[in-house]
Amino acid sequence: MSANGDHLSALRIERQAVLDFCADLTDAEWYADSRAAGWSVKDVVAHMAADLRSVVTPDALAFMATKDVESLNERAVAASRSRSPQQVLEGFATWTRVGTAALAAMTAPGVGRVRLRVGELGRYPMRIFPAMFLFDWHTHLRHDIAAALDRPHPPTDEQRTASILEWLTTLLEQSHRHRLAWLDAPVAISFTGPGGGAWRIEPERGRPVRVRRGGTENTAVQVTARADEFPLWGTTRAAWRDCDVSIAGDTEIGARVLDSIDLI
């Protein structure tokens, strides 16, 4: 299976995980505070539905043009506040079914190379869009919903973790060009566990940093972290110092790089 197909397949698996998790939520749980600041559990599911609705409606233009993705997300959630939990879940089921079908066409060979802007986050090939949405659902479900309700995290798998890492490292390169402009030595980050892999953050003279797959050779810093924890500390839901993260080599540079990472 192609990488594009892997991302889309992983997204479909996660869609079912969300539907299964939400199927037996009580009204009290739907209206409980999530760990996404200011949002209830119902709000978070409404946001996840809006993700895929934006693929097949004129909302796509707003997400491409915006300079504040988070404010746009807030407005989409506010628009759904009057809807019941059942309506929100039905909306998620409908829009994600239609949206994943649209993504199948958008990520087809050739078409998937076309780059589109995602607000202030940068320009990305459409082939990686399923991984972007997967990351959002996967992280919200486990860290913002399940954790808030004190329910066990739904299981995941190597395929979904690998797709999430590809999105986050791509996002890191695009969204942190200025934040990491001070970096003058290569940094290696190895993510361990199922779905993990090795990446390098590399400065280039006169150009923004690059983030690409590669090993630890000729790097000033070697960071090792668990693959399944990166979505947590990479989005600052947890401090990297409180997670299973180690730094070898120039620890000062390593710590500064990790302190700079704040992915949306």
Protein backbone atom coordinates (compact mmCIF):
# COMPACT_ATOMS: atom_id res chain seq x y z
CA MET A 1 0.00 0.00 0.00
CA SER A 2 1.23 3.52 -0.77
CA ALA A 3 1.99 6.05 1.96
CA ASN A 4 -1.09 8.02 0.83
CA GLY A 5 -3.24 4.91 1.21
CA ASP A 6 -1.70 4.21 4.61
CA HIS A 7 -2.70 7.66 5.87
CA LEU A 8 -6.25 7.33 4.57
CA SER A 9 -6.62 3.80 5.90
CA ALA A 10 -5.36 4.97 9.30
CA LEU A 11 -7.87 7.84 9.27
CA ARG A 12 -10.74 5.46 8.56
CA ILE A 13 -9.66 3.22 11.45
CA GLU A 14 -9.56 6.23 13.76
CA ARG A 15 -12.99 7.40 12.56
CA GLN A 16 -14.44 4.10 13.77
CA ALA A 17 -12.56 4.43 17.06
CA VAL A 18 -14.23 7.80 17.67
CA LEU A 19 -17.68 6.43 16.82
CA ASP A 20 -17.20 3.39 19.06
CA PHE A 21 -15.95 5.48 21.99
CA CYS A 22 -18.78 8.00 21.77
CA ALA A 23 -21.56 5.47 21.24
CA ASP A 24 -22.28 4.95 24.95
CA LEU A 25 -21.40 8.34 26.43
CA THR A 26 -23.94 9.62 28.92
CA ASP A 27 -25.40 13.12 28.73
CA ALA A 28 -23.26 14.07 31.72
CA GLU A 29 -20.15 12.91 29.88
CA TRP A 30 -21.09 14.73 26.68
CA TYR A 31 -21.43 18.01 28.57
CA ALA A 32 -18.41 17.45 30.82
CA ASP A 33 -15.36 19.68 30.45
CA SER A 34 -12.75 18.20 28.17
CA ARG A 35 -9.05 18.94 28.54
CA ALA A 36 -9.23 21.25 25.53
CA ALA A 37 -9.54 24.61 27.27
CA GLY A 38 -13.07 26.02 27.13
CA TRP A 39 -14.54 23.05 25.27
CA SER A 40 -16.89 20.33 26.49
CA VAL A 41 -16.61 16.79 25.19
CA LYS A 42 -19.45 17.61 22.79
CA ASP A 43 -17.54 20.65 21.56
CA VAL A 44 -14.46 18.55 20.80
CA VAL A 45 -16.48 16.04 18.75
CA ALA A 46 -18.15 18.93 16.91
CA HIS A 47 -14.69 20.29 16.12
CA MET A 48 -13.60 16.92 14.75
CA ALA A 49 -16.66 16.85 12.51
CA ALA A 50 -15.84 20.36 11.29
CA ASP A 51 -12.39 19.10 10.27
CA LEU A 52 -13.81 16.96 7.49
CA ARG A 53 -16.71 19.27 6.71
CA SER A 54 -14.10 21.83 5.70
CA VAL A 55 -12.88 19.45 2.97
CA VAL A 56 -16.18 19.34 1.09
CA THR A 57 -17.77 22.76 1.75
CA PRO A 58 -16.79 26.40 1.15
CA ASP A 59 -15.28 26.30 4.66
CA ALA A 60 -12.16 25.05 2.88
CA LEU A 61 -11.51 28.54 1.53
CA ALA A 62 -11.66 30.03 5.01
CA PHE A 63 -9.15 27.50 6.36
CA MET A 64 -6.79 28.19 3.48
CA ALA A 65 -6.97 31.97 3.86
CA THR A 66 -7.07 32.37 7.64
CA LYS A 67 -4.15 33.69 9.64
CA ASP A 68 -5.58 32.25 12.86
CA VAL A 69 -6.62 28.59 12.59
CA GLU A 70 -7.50 28.34 16.27
CA SER A 71 -9.97 31.25 16.08
CA LEU A 72 -11.60 29.63 13.07
CA ASN A 73 -11.92 26.38 15.05
CA GLU A 74 -13.55 28.30 17.91
CA ARG A 75 -16.15 29.80 15.59
CA ALA A 76 -17.00 26.40 14.11
CA VAL A 77 -17.52 24.95 17.58
CA ALA A 78 -19.62 27.92 18.72
CA ALA A 79 -21.92 27.42 15.73
CA SER A 80 -22.71 23.88 16.90
CA ARG A 81 -23.34 24.61 20.59
CA SER A 82 -27.13 24.44 20.29
CA ARG A 83 -27.01 20.95 18.80
CA SER A 84 -27.72 17.90 20.93
CA PRO A 85 -25.07 15.22 21.56
CA GLN A 86 -26.89 12.87 19.19
CA GLN A 87 -26.95 15.52 16.47
CA VAL A 88 -23.25 16.20 16.95
CA LEU A 89 -22.37 12.50 16.74
CA GLU A 90 -24.56 12.05 13.67
CA GLY A 91 -22.86 15.07 12.14
CA PHE A 92 -19.46 13.53 12.82
CA ALA A 93 -20.53 10.24 11.23
CA THR A 94 -21.93 11.97 8.14
CA TRP A 95 -19.23 14.56 7.48
CA THR A 96 -16.36 12.17 8.13
CA ARG A 97 -17.84 9.60 5.75
CA VAL A 98 -18.23 12.21 3.01
CA GLY A 99 -14.91 13.83 3.84
CA THR A 100 -12.86 10.63 3.72
CA ALA A 101 -14.38 9.84 0.32
CA ALA A 102 -13.29 13.28 -0.90
CA LEU A 103 -9.81 12.75 0.54
CA ALA A 104 -9.49 9.55 -1.46
CA ALA A 105 -9.76 11.63 -4.64
CA MET A 106 -7.56 14.45 -3.32
CA THR A 107 -4.72 12.08 -2.43
CA ALA A 108 -4.72 10.07 -5.65
CA PRO A 109 -1.36 9.71 -7.44
CA GLY A 110 -0.39 12.98 -9.09
CA VAL A 111 -3.13 15.01 -7.43
CA GLY A 112 -1.73 14.27 -3.98
CA ARG A 113 1.43 16.25 -4.79
CA VAL A 114 -0.50 19.51 -5.17
CA ARG A 115 0.18 21.84 -2.26
CA LEU A 116 -2.53 23.81 -0.48
CA ARG A 117 -2.23 26.39 2.25
CA VAL A 118 -3.51 25.56 5.73
CA GLY A 119 -3.86 29.01 7.24
CA GLU A 120 -0.74 30.28 8.95
CA LEU A 121 0.62 26.74 9.30
CA GLY A 122 2.12 26.62 5.81
CA ARG A 123 1.57 24.84 2.49
CA TYR A 124 1.28 21.05 2.37
CA PRO A 125 0.84 18.36 -0.30
CA MET A 126 -2.70 17.02 -0.23
CA ARG A 127 -1.36 13.49 0.18
CA ILE A 128 -0.63 14.26 3.84
CA PHE A 129 -4.04 15.77 4.68
CA PRO A 130 -5.45 12.45 6.01
CA ALA A 131 -2.51 12.28 8.45
CA MET A 132 -3.25 15.85 9.57
CA PHE A 133 -6.86 15.02 10.40
CA LEU A 134 -5.82 11.71 11.96
CA PHE A 135 -3.47 13.49 14.34
CA ASP A 136 -6.25 15.87 15.38
CA TRP A 137 -8.82 13.14 16.09
CA HIS A 138 -6.35 10.74 17.68
CA THR A 139 -5.00 13.37 20.06
CA HIS A 140 -8.36 14.87 20.99
CA LEU A 141 -9.94 11.46 21.62
CA ARG A 142 -7.22 10.16 23.91
CA HIS A 143 -5.81 13.23 25.63
CA ASP A 144 -8.74 15.65 25.67
CA ILE A 145 -11.77 13.38 25.94
CA ALA A 146 -10.83 9.99 27.42
CA ALA A 147 -8.43 11.52 29.94
CA ALA A 148 -11.03 14.10 31.04
CA LEU A 149 -13.67 11.38 31.53
CA ASP A 150 -11.19 9.10 33.32
CA ARG A 151 -11.83 6.41 30.72
CA PRO A 152 -9.09 4.14 29.32
CA HIS A 153 -7.41 5.46 26.19
CA PRO A 154 -8.68 3.64 23.10
CA PRO A 155 -5.97 1.38 21.67
CA THR A 156 -3.96 2.53 18.69
CA ASP A 157 -1.52 0.86 16.32
CA GLU A 158 1.75 1.23 14.45
CA GLN A 159 0.07 2.46 11.28
CA ARG A 160 -1.68 5.37 12.98
CA THR A 161 1.39 6.33 15.00
CA ALA A 162 3.59 6.36 11.89
CA SER A 163 1.13 8.59 10.02
CA ILE A 164 0.88 10.98 12.96
CA LEU A 165 4.67 11.26 13.18
CA GLU A 166 4.92 12.03 9.47
CA TRP A 167 2.38 14.84 9.85
CA LEU A 168 3.98 16.30 12.99
CA THR A 169 7.49 16.33 11.54
CA THR A 170 6.18 17.92 8.34
CA LEU A 171 4.31 20.50 10.41
CA LEU A 172 7.43 21.13 12.49
CA GLU A 173 9.44 22.09 9.42
CA GLN A 174 6.75 24.39 8.03
CA SER A 175 5.48 26.07 11.20
CA HIS A 176 8.75 26.45 13.13
CA ARG A 177 10.95 27.99 10.44
CA HIS A 178 11.31 31.24 12.34
CA ARG A 179 11.15 29.74 15.81
CA LEU A 180 14.14 27.53 15.07
CA ALA A 181 16.03 30.03 12.90
CA TRP A 182 18.72 30.30 15.60
CA LEU A 183 19.73 26.65 15.20
CA ASP A 184 23.22 26.25 13.74
CA ALA A 185 23.87 22.52 14.23
CA PRO A 186 21.94 19.37 13.20
CA VAL A 187 19.73 17.72 15.81
CA ALA A 188 18.58 14.10 15.61
CA ILE A 189 15.28 12.94 17.12
CA SER A 190 14.65 9.20 17.38
CA PHE A 191 11.11 8.13 18.23
CA THR A 192 11.00 4.67 19.77
CA GLY A 193 8.24 2.09 19.87
CA PRO A 194 5.70 0.94 17.27
CA GLY A 195 5.41 3.37 14.38
CA GLY A 196 8.54 5.26 15.39
CA GLY A 197 11.45 6.42 13.29
CA ALA A 198 14.39 8.81 13.13
CA TRP A 199 14.39 12.41 11.91
CA ARG A 200 16.93 15.20 11.64
CA ILE A 201 16.38 18.93 12.16
CA GLU A 202 18.98 20.59 9.97
CA PRO A 203 19.87 24.27 9.51
CA GLU A 204 20.71 25.36 5.98
CA ARG A 205 22.73 28.45 5.23
CA GLY A 206 20.44 31.28 4.18
CA ARG A 207 17.37 29.02 4.26
CA PRO A 208 14.84 27.78 6.85
CA VAL A 209 15.57 24.59 8.78
CA ARG A 210 14.74 21.25 7.20
CA VAL A 211 13.20 18.28 8.98
CA ARG A 212 13.86 15.01 7.20
CA ARG A 213 14.28 11.34 7.91
CA GLY A 214 17.78 10.31 8.90
CA GLY A 215 20.10 8.97 11.56
CA THR A 216 22.32 10.50 14.21
CA GLU A 217 25.56 10.79 12.22
CA ASN A 218 27.25 14.20 12.39
CA THR A 219 24.63 15.66 14.72
CA ALA A 220 25.37 17.88 17.71
CA VAL A 221 22.38 16.60 19.67
CA GLN A 222 20.65 13.24 19.84
CA VAL A 223 17.14 13.24 21.32
CA THR A 224 15.36 9.98 22.09
CA ALA A 225 11.62 9.98 22.85
CA ARG A 226 8.67 7.62 22.77
CA ALA A 227 6.68 7.84 19.55
CA ASP A 228 3.34 7.67 21.34
CA GLU A 229 4.25 10.59 23.62
CA PHE A 230 5.27 13.08 20.94
CA PRO A 231 1.68 14.24 20.24
CA LEU A 232 1.39 14.99 23.96
CA TRP A 233 4.51 17.07 24.59
CA GLY A 234 4.83 18.28 21.00
CA THR A 235 1.52 20.12 21.48
CA THR A 236 2.55 21.22 25.01
CA ARG A 237 -0.26 19.22 26.61
CA ALA A 238 2.57 17.92 28.78
CA ALA A 239 6.09 19.15 29.40
CA TRP A 240 8.72 17.13 27.55
CA ARG A 241 10.71 17.02 30.80
CA ASP A 242 7.84 15.05 32.36
CA CYS A 243 7.86 12.49 29.54
CA ASP A 244 10.25 9.73 28.49
CA VAL A 245 12.64 12.05 26.65
CA SER A 246 16.44 11.98 26.86
CA ILE A 247 19.13 14.21 25.35
CA ALA A 248 22.70 13.22 24.46
CA GLY A 249 25.41 15.48 23.10
CA ASP A 250 24.94 19.23 23.53
CA THR A 251 22.16 19.17 26.10
CA GLU A 252 21.79 22.96 26.11
CA ILE A 253 20.95 23.07 22.41
CA GLY A 254 18.76 20.00 22.76
CA ALA A 255 16.73 21.51 25.58
CA ARG A 256 16.35 24.78 23.69
CA VAL A 257 15.04 22.95 20.62
CA LEU A 258 12.55 20.95 22.66
CA ASP A 259 11.43 24.06 24.54
CA SER A 260 10.76 25.72 21.16
CA ILE A 261 8.38 23.01 19.90
CA ASP A 262 4.71 23.97 20.18
CA LEU A 263 2.64 22.31 17.45
CA ILE A 264 -1.01 23.12 16.83
